[in-house]
N, C-alpha and C. Protein backbone atom coordinates (compact mmCIF):
# COMPACT_ATOMS: atom_id res chain seq x y z
N UNK A 1 5.75 7.71 -9.90
CA UNK A 1 5.44 6.35 -9.51
C UNK A 1 6.51 5.86 -8.56
N UNK A 2 6.14 4.97 -7.67
CA UNK A 2 7.07 4.38 -6.71
C UNK A 2 7.35 2.94 -7.09
N UNK A 3 8.47 2.45 -6.60
CA UNK A 3 8.89 1.09 -6.92
C UNK A 3 9.27 0.35 -5.65
N UNK A 4 9.11 -0.98 -5.69
CA UNK A 4 9.56 -1.83 -4.59
C UNK A 4 10.43 -2.94 -5.18
N UNK A 5 11.26 -3.50 -4.34
CA UNK A 5 12.15 -4.57 -4.76
C UNK A 5 11.67 -5.88 -4.18
N UNK A 6 11.46 -6.88 -5.04
CA UNK A 6 11.13 -8.23 -4.60
C UNK A 6 12.45 -8.91 -4.26
N UNK A 7 12.70 -9.11 -2.99
CA UNK A 7 13.99 -9.65 -2.54
C UNK A 7 14.24 -11.05 -3.07
N UNK A 8 13.19 -11.87 -3.18
CA UNK A 8 13.38 -13.24 -3.65
C UNK A 8 13.79 -13.31 -5.12
N UNK A 9 13.13 -12.53 -5.97
CA UNK A 9 13.41 -12.60 -7.41
C UNK A 9 14.39 -11.53 -7.89
N UNK A 10 14.58 -10.47 -7.09
CA UNK A 10 15.43 -9.37 -7.51
C UNK A 10 14.73 -8.42 -8.48
N UNK A 11 13.46 -8.65 -8.71
CA UNK A 11 12.67 -7.86 -9.65
C UNK A 11 12.24 -6.53 -9.02
N UNK A 12 12.29 -5.45 -9.79
CA UNK A 12 11.80 -4.15 -9.35
C UNK A 12 10.38 -4.01 -9.87
N UNK A 13 9.45 -3.71 -8.97
CA UNK A 13 8.03 -3.68 -9.30
C UNK A 13 7.47 -2.28 -9.12
N UNK A 14 6.77 -1.79 -10.13
CA UNK A 14 6.13 -0.47 -10.05
C UNK A 14 4.87 -0.61 -9.19
N UNK A 15 4.63 0.37 -8.32
CA UNK A 15 3.47 0.31 -7.44
C UNK A 15 2.82 1.68 -7.32
N UNK A 16 1.52 1.69 -7.02
CA UNK A 16 0.80 2.95 -6.85
C UNK A 16 0.89 3.46 -5.41
N UNK A 17 1.45 2.66 -4.52
CA UNK A 17 1.49 3.01 -3.11
C UNK A 17 2.60 4.01 -2.81
N UNK A 18 2.27 5.03 -2.04
CA UNK A 18 3.28 6.04 -1.67
C UNK A 18 4.17 5.55 -0.54
N UNK A 19 3.60 4.76 0.34
CA UNK A 19 4.37 4.22 1.47
C UNK A 19 3.82 2.84 1.82
N UNK A 20 4.72 1.92 2.08
CA UNK A 20 4.34 0.57 2.50
C UNK A 20 5.03 0.31 3.83
N UNK A 21 4.24 -0.01 4.84
CA UNK A 21 4.78 -0.29 6.17
C UNK A 21 5.09 -1.78 6.29
N UNK A 22 5.67 -2.18 7.39
CA UNK A 22 6.05 -3.58 7.60
C UNK A 22 4.85 -4.52 7.56
N UNK A 23 5.12 -5.73 7.09
CA UNK A 23 4.08 -6.77 7.09
C UNK A 23 3.94 -7.33 8.49
N UNK A 24 2.70 -7.61 8.87
CA UNK A 24 2.38 -8.22 10.15
C UNK A 24 1.19 -9.14 9.90
N UNK A 25 1.33 -10.41 10.21
CA UNK A 25 0.27 -11.40 9.99
C UNK A 25 -0.16 -11.46 8.53
N UNK A 26 0.78 -11.25 7.61
CA UNK A 26 0.50 -11.37 6.19
C UNK A 26 -0.04 -10.12 5.51
N UNK A 27 -0.23 -9.04 6.26
CA UNK A 27 -0.73 -7.79 5.68
C UNK A 27 0.19 -6.63 6.04
N UNK A 28 0.19 -5.61 5.16
CA UNK A 28 0.97 -4.40 5.42
C UNK A 28 0.09 -3.18 5.17
N UNK A 29 0.23 -2.19 6.03
CA UNK A 29 -0.48 -0.93 5.86
C UNK A 29 0.17 -0.15 4.72
N UNK A 30 -0.65 0.45 3.85
CA UNK A 30 -0.14 1.24 2.73
C UNK A 30 -0.85 2.59 2.68
N UNK A 31 -0.17 3.59 2.11
CA UNK A 31 -0.75 4.91 1.84
C UNK A 31 -0.75 5.09 0.32
N UNK A 32 -1.83 5.64 -0.20
CA UNK A 32 -1.88 5.93 -1.63
C UNK A 32 -2.92 7.02 -1.90
N UNK A 33 -2.84 7.61 -3.08
CA UNK A 33 -3.79 8.63 -3.50
C UNK A 33 -4.89 7.92 -4.29
N UNK A 34 -6.15 8.10 -3.85
CA UNK A 34 -7.25 7.42 -4.53
C UNK A 34 -7.71 8.19 -5.77
N UNK A 35 -8.73 7.70 -6.43
CA UNK A 35 -9.21 8.32 -7.66
C UNK A 35 -9.79 9.72 -7.44
N UNK A 36 -10.14 10.06 -6.19
CA UNK A 36 -10.63 11.39 -5.84
C UNK A 36 -9.51 12.33 -5.40
N UNK A 37 -8.26 11.90 -5.61
CA UNK A 37 -7.06 12.68 -5.26
C UNK A 37 -6.92 12.92 -3.76
N UNK A 38 -7.40 11.97 -2.95
CA UNK A 38 -7.28 12.07 -1.49
C UNK A 38 -6.39 10.96 -0.97
N UNK A 39 -5.65 11.27 0.10
CA UNK A 39 -4.79 10.26 0.72
C UNK A 39 -5.68 9.18 1.33
N UNK A 40 -5.36 7.94 1.01
CA UNK A 40 -6.15 6.80 1.45
C UNK A 40 -5.21 5.77 2.06
N UNK A 41 -5.74 5.00 2.98
CA UNK A 41 -4.97 3.94 3.64
C UNK A 41 -5.68 2.62 3.44
N UNK A 42 -4.91 1.56 3.43
CA UNK A 42 -5.48 0.23 3.30
C UNK A 42 -4.43 -0.81 3.66
N UNK A 43 -4.79 -2.06 3.49
CA UNK A 43 -3.88 -3.17 3.79
C UNK A 43 -3.74 -4.03 2.55
N UNK A 44 -2.49 -4.40 2.24
CA UNK A 44 -2.22 -5.28 1.11
C UNK A 44 -1.68 -6.61 1.60
N UNK A 45 -1.83 -7.64 0.76
CA UNK A 45 -1.21 -8.92 1.06
C UNK A 45 0.18 -8.94 0.44
N UNK A 46 0.88 -10.05 0.57
CA UNK A 46 2.27 -10.11 0.09
C UNK A 46 2.37 -10.14 -1.43
N UNK A 47 1.25 -10.31 -2.13
CA UNK A 47 1.23 -10.22 -3.59
C UNK A 47 1.02 -8.78 -4.05
N UNK A 48 0.75 -7.86 -3.09
CA UNK A 48 0.53 -6.46 -3.42
C UNK A 48 -0.91 -6.11 -3.71
N UNK A 49 -1.81 -7.07 -3.49
CA UNK A 49 -3.23 -6.84 -3.75
C UNK A 49 -3.89 -6.17 -2.55
N UNK A 50 -4.65 -5.12 -2.81
CA UNK A 50 -5.36 -4.40 -1.77
C UNK A 50 -6.48 -5.27 -1.23
N UNK A 51 -6.47 -5.53 0.06
CA UNK A 51 -7.45 -6.42 0.68
C UNK A 51 -8.45 -5.68 1.56
N UNK A 52 -8.01 -4.63 2.25
CA UNK A 52 -8.87 -3.91 3.18
C UNK A 52 -8.64 -2.42 3.02
N UNK A 53 -9.72 -1.66 2.90
CA UNK A 53 -9.62 -0.19 2.88
C UNK A 53 -9.84 0.30 4.30
N UNK A 54 -9.04 1.26 4.71
CA UNK A 54 -9.13 1.80 6.05
C UNK A 54 -9.83 3.15 5.98
N UNK A 55 -10.89 3.32 6.77
CA UNK A 55 -11.62 4.58 6.79
C UNK A 55 -10.88 5.59 7.62
N UNK A 56 -10.68 6.77 7.07
CA UNK A 56 -10.00 7.85 7.78
C UNK A 56 -10.99 9.00 7.91
N UNK A 57 -11.22 9.43 9.11
CA UNK A 57 -12.17 10.50 9.34
C UNK A 57 -11.42 11.82 9.53
N UNK A 58 -12.01 12.87 9.01
CA UNK A 58 -11.46 14.21 9.16
C UNK A 58 -11.62 14.65 10.61
N UNK A 59 -10.59 15.24 11.19
CA UNK A 59 -10.64 15.68 12.59
C UNK A 59 -11.41 16.97 12.76
N UNK A 60 -11.76 17.66 11.69
CA UNK A 60 -12.42 18.95 11.78
C UNK A 60 -13.89 18.86 11.45
């Protein structure tokens, strides 16, 4: 499991996201493993809630 630090509260929060990119306009791109064990991308808000799933197409 991965963890993030809430700078305002100093709290360490457990998260399912493997990577969280910078926030822009209130959303951040995230990488995570979905229930089918595949790498998935989406956007979260500043509360950590998944708001948009990003479709990734196989290049092959």
